[in-house]
Amino acid sequence: MELMQNSQFRAYVQAVCEQIRWQEVHGEVARELATHVEETAQEYVEQGLETDTAIVKALERMGDAAVVGADLNKVHRPKPDWLLVGLTIMLAGFGFLIAQVWDLGMTNWLFICIGLALAVVFPERNCGI
């Protein structure tokens, strides 16, 4: 059964994908929809319906394209890696702090602060303090 030749199926997939903002998953969603519609349409064909009628009934069974697309948009949303974002901000801030302290000629304070920070981060290596 060649679903991509069916104009109603193509319109359904397009309507679903219009609701999904992340463009990279449109192909994956189209393949997944094709699998579901093809399986359902095959059941209807085995019950004696013609192929085109079976596809229409399978699409009706899938539900409203706008609702399906909105639900899939919630699922297929890129999620930021907050750990990486936090570490990047922290390292940028630390680099900015070092640059400012270095410009002020306070290198002794810089090394003291770095030592204290390392003592807090790695307390088991504090030579018994």
Protein backbone atom coordinates (compact mmCIF):
# COMPACT_ATOMS: atom_id res chain seq x y z
CA MET A 1 0.00 0.00 0.00
CA GLU A 2 1.57 3.26 -1.15
CA LEU A 3 0.35 5.93 1.25
CA MET A 4 2.49 8.77 -0.06
CA GLN A 5 0.52 8.64 -3.32
CA ASN A 6 -2.71 9.27 -1.42
CA SER A 7 -3.52 12.99 -1.34
CA GLN A 8 -5.62 12.71 1.82
CA PHE A 9 -2.77 11.06 3.71
CA ARG A 10 -0.29 13.70 2.49
CA ALA A 11 -2.67 16.46 3.58
CA TYR A 12 -3.09 14.80 6.99
CA VAL A 13 0.67 14.50 7.51
CA GLN A 14 1.18 18.10 6.41
CA ALA A 15 -1.52 19.29 8.84
CA VAL A 16 0.10 17.32 11.68
CA CYS A 17 3.60 18.59 10.88
CA GLU A 18 2.38 22.20 10.74
CA GLN A 19 1.69 21.91 14.46
CA ILE A 20 5.20 20.61 15.25
CA ARG A 21 7.72 23.44 15.53
CA TRP A 22 10.89 21.31 15.59
CA GLN A 23 11.51 20.75 11.87
CA GLU A 24 14.05 17.94 12.31
CA VAL A 25 11.40 15.45 13.50
CA HIS A 26 8.93 15.98 10.65
CA GLY A 27 10.33 13.07 8.64
CA GLU A 28 10.28 10.76 11.65
CA VAL A 29 6.70 11.79 12.48
CA ALA A 30 5.61 11.23 8.86
CA ARG A 31 7.10 7.70 8.87
CA GLU A 32 5.47 6.90 12.21
CA LEU A 33 2.09 8.15 11.00
CA ALA A 34 2.49 6.15 7.79
CA THR A 35 3.14 3.00 9.79
CA HIS A 36 0.07 3.48 11.97
CA VAL A 37 -2.23 4.43 9.11
CA GLU A 38 -0.96 1.58 6.94
CA GLU A 39 -1.54 -1.00 9.69
CA THR A 40 -5.03 0.32 10.39
CA ALA A 41 -5.91 0.59 6.70
CA GLN A 42 -4.70 -2.97 6.15
CA GLU A 43 -7.13 -4.14 8.85
CA TYR A 44 -9.97 -2.41 6.99
CA VAL A 45 -8.87 -3.91 3.66
CA GLU A 46 -8.93 -7.36 5.25
CA GLN A 47 -12.49 -6.62 6.34
CA GLY A 48 -13.41 -6.03 2.68
CA LEU A 49 -13.06 -2.27 2.15
CA GLU A 50 -11.34 -0.76 -0.86
CA THR A 51 -7.88 0.68 -0.29
CA ASP A 52 -8.84 4.36 -0.62
CA THR A 53 -11.84 3.94 1.68
CA ALA A 54 -9.68 2.04 4.16
CA ILE A 55 -7.14 4.87 4.21
CA VAL A 56 -9.86 7.47 4.82
CA LYS A 57 -11.28 5.41 7.70
CA ALA A 58 -7.79 4.90 9.13
CA LEU A 59 -7.18 8.66 9.04
CA GLU A 60 -10.50 9.28 10.77
CA ARG A 61 -9.50 6.77 13.42
CA MET A 62 -6.18 8.61 13.97
CA GLY A 63 -8.09 11.71 15.05
CA ASP A 64 -8.00 15.40 14.22
CA ALA A 65 -4.66 16.35 12.65
CA ALA A 66 -4.41 19.59 14.64
CA VAL A 67 -4.89 17.77 17.96
CA VAL A 68 -2.46 14.99 17.02
CA GLY A 69 0.09 17.58 15.87
CA ALA A 70 -0.27 19.64 19.06
CA ASP A 71 0.24 16.53 21.19
CA LEU A 72 3.28 15.48 19.16
CA ASN A 73 4.68 19.01 19.46
CA LYS A 74 4.66 18.61 23.24
CA VAL A 75 6.54 15.31 22.95
CA HIS A 76 9.04 16.35 20.25
CA ARG A 77 10.49 19.46 21.83
CA PRO A 78 14.26 19.87 22.11
CA LYS A 79 15.32 20.03 25.74
CA PRO A 80 18.34 22.12 26.77
CA ASP A 81 21.14 20.46 28.67
CA TRP A 82 20.93 22.58 31.82
CA LEU A 83 24.11 21.13 33.31
CA LEU A 84 26.09 22.22 30.27
CA VAL A 85 24.44 25.66 30.28
CA GLY A 86 25.20 26.11 33.99
CA LEU A 87 28.82 25.02 33.64
CA THR A 88 29.31 27.35 30.68
CA ILE A 89 27.93 30.33 32.60
CA MET A 90 30.01 29.44 35.65
CA LEU A 91 33.24 29.10 33.66
CA ALA A 92 32.58 32.34 31.77
CA GLY A 93 31.97 34.14 35.06
CA PHE A 94 35.10 32.64 36.58
CA GLY A 95 37.13 33.73 33.56
CA PHE A 96 35.70 37.23 33.79
CA LEU A 97 36.54 37.37 37.51
CA ILE A 98 40.13 36.27 36.87
CA ALA A 99 40.53 38.90 34.15
CA GLN A 100 39.23 41.65 36.44
CA VAL A 101 41.39 40.64 39.39
CA TRP A 102 44.44 40.34 37.15
CA ASP A 103 43.85 43.84 35.73
CA LEU A 104 43.64 45.28 39.24
CA GLY A 105 46.98 43.77 40.19
CA MET A 106 45.47 41.63 42.92
CA THR A 107 47.09 38.36 41.88
CA ASN A 108 47.81 37.38 45.50
CA TRP A 109 44.10 37.58 46.31
CA LEU A 110 43.35 35.64 43.16
CA PHE A 111 45.53 32.73 44.23
CA ILE A 112 44.14 32.83 47.77
CA CYS A 113 40.57 32.67 46.43
CA ILE A 114 41.44 29.82 44.08
CA GLY A 115 43.04 27.94 46.97
CA LEU A 116 40.00 28.47 49.20
CA ALA A 117 37.65 27.39 46.41
CA LEU A 118 39.66 24.22 45.85
CA ALA A 119 39.68 23.54 49.59
CA VAL A 120 35.88 23.77 49.62
CA VAL A 121 35.43 21.65 46.49
CA PHE A 122 37.92 18.95 47.51
CA PRO A 123 37.76 18.83 51.33
CA GLU A 124 39.26 15.33 51.64
CA ARG A 125 42.61 16.57 50.31
CA ASN A 126 43.06 19.38 52.84
CA CYS A 127 46.00 17.80 54.66
CA GLY A 128 43.95 17.09 57.78
CA ILE A 129 42.54 20.60 58.19
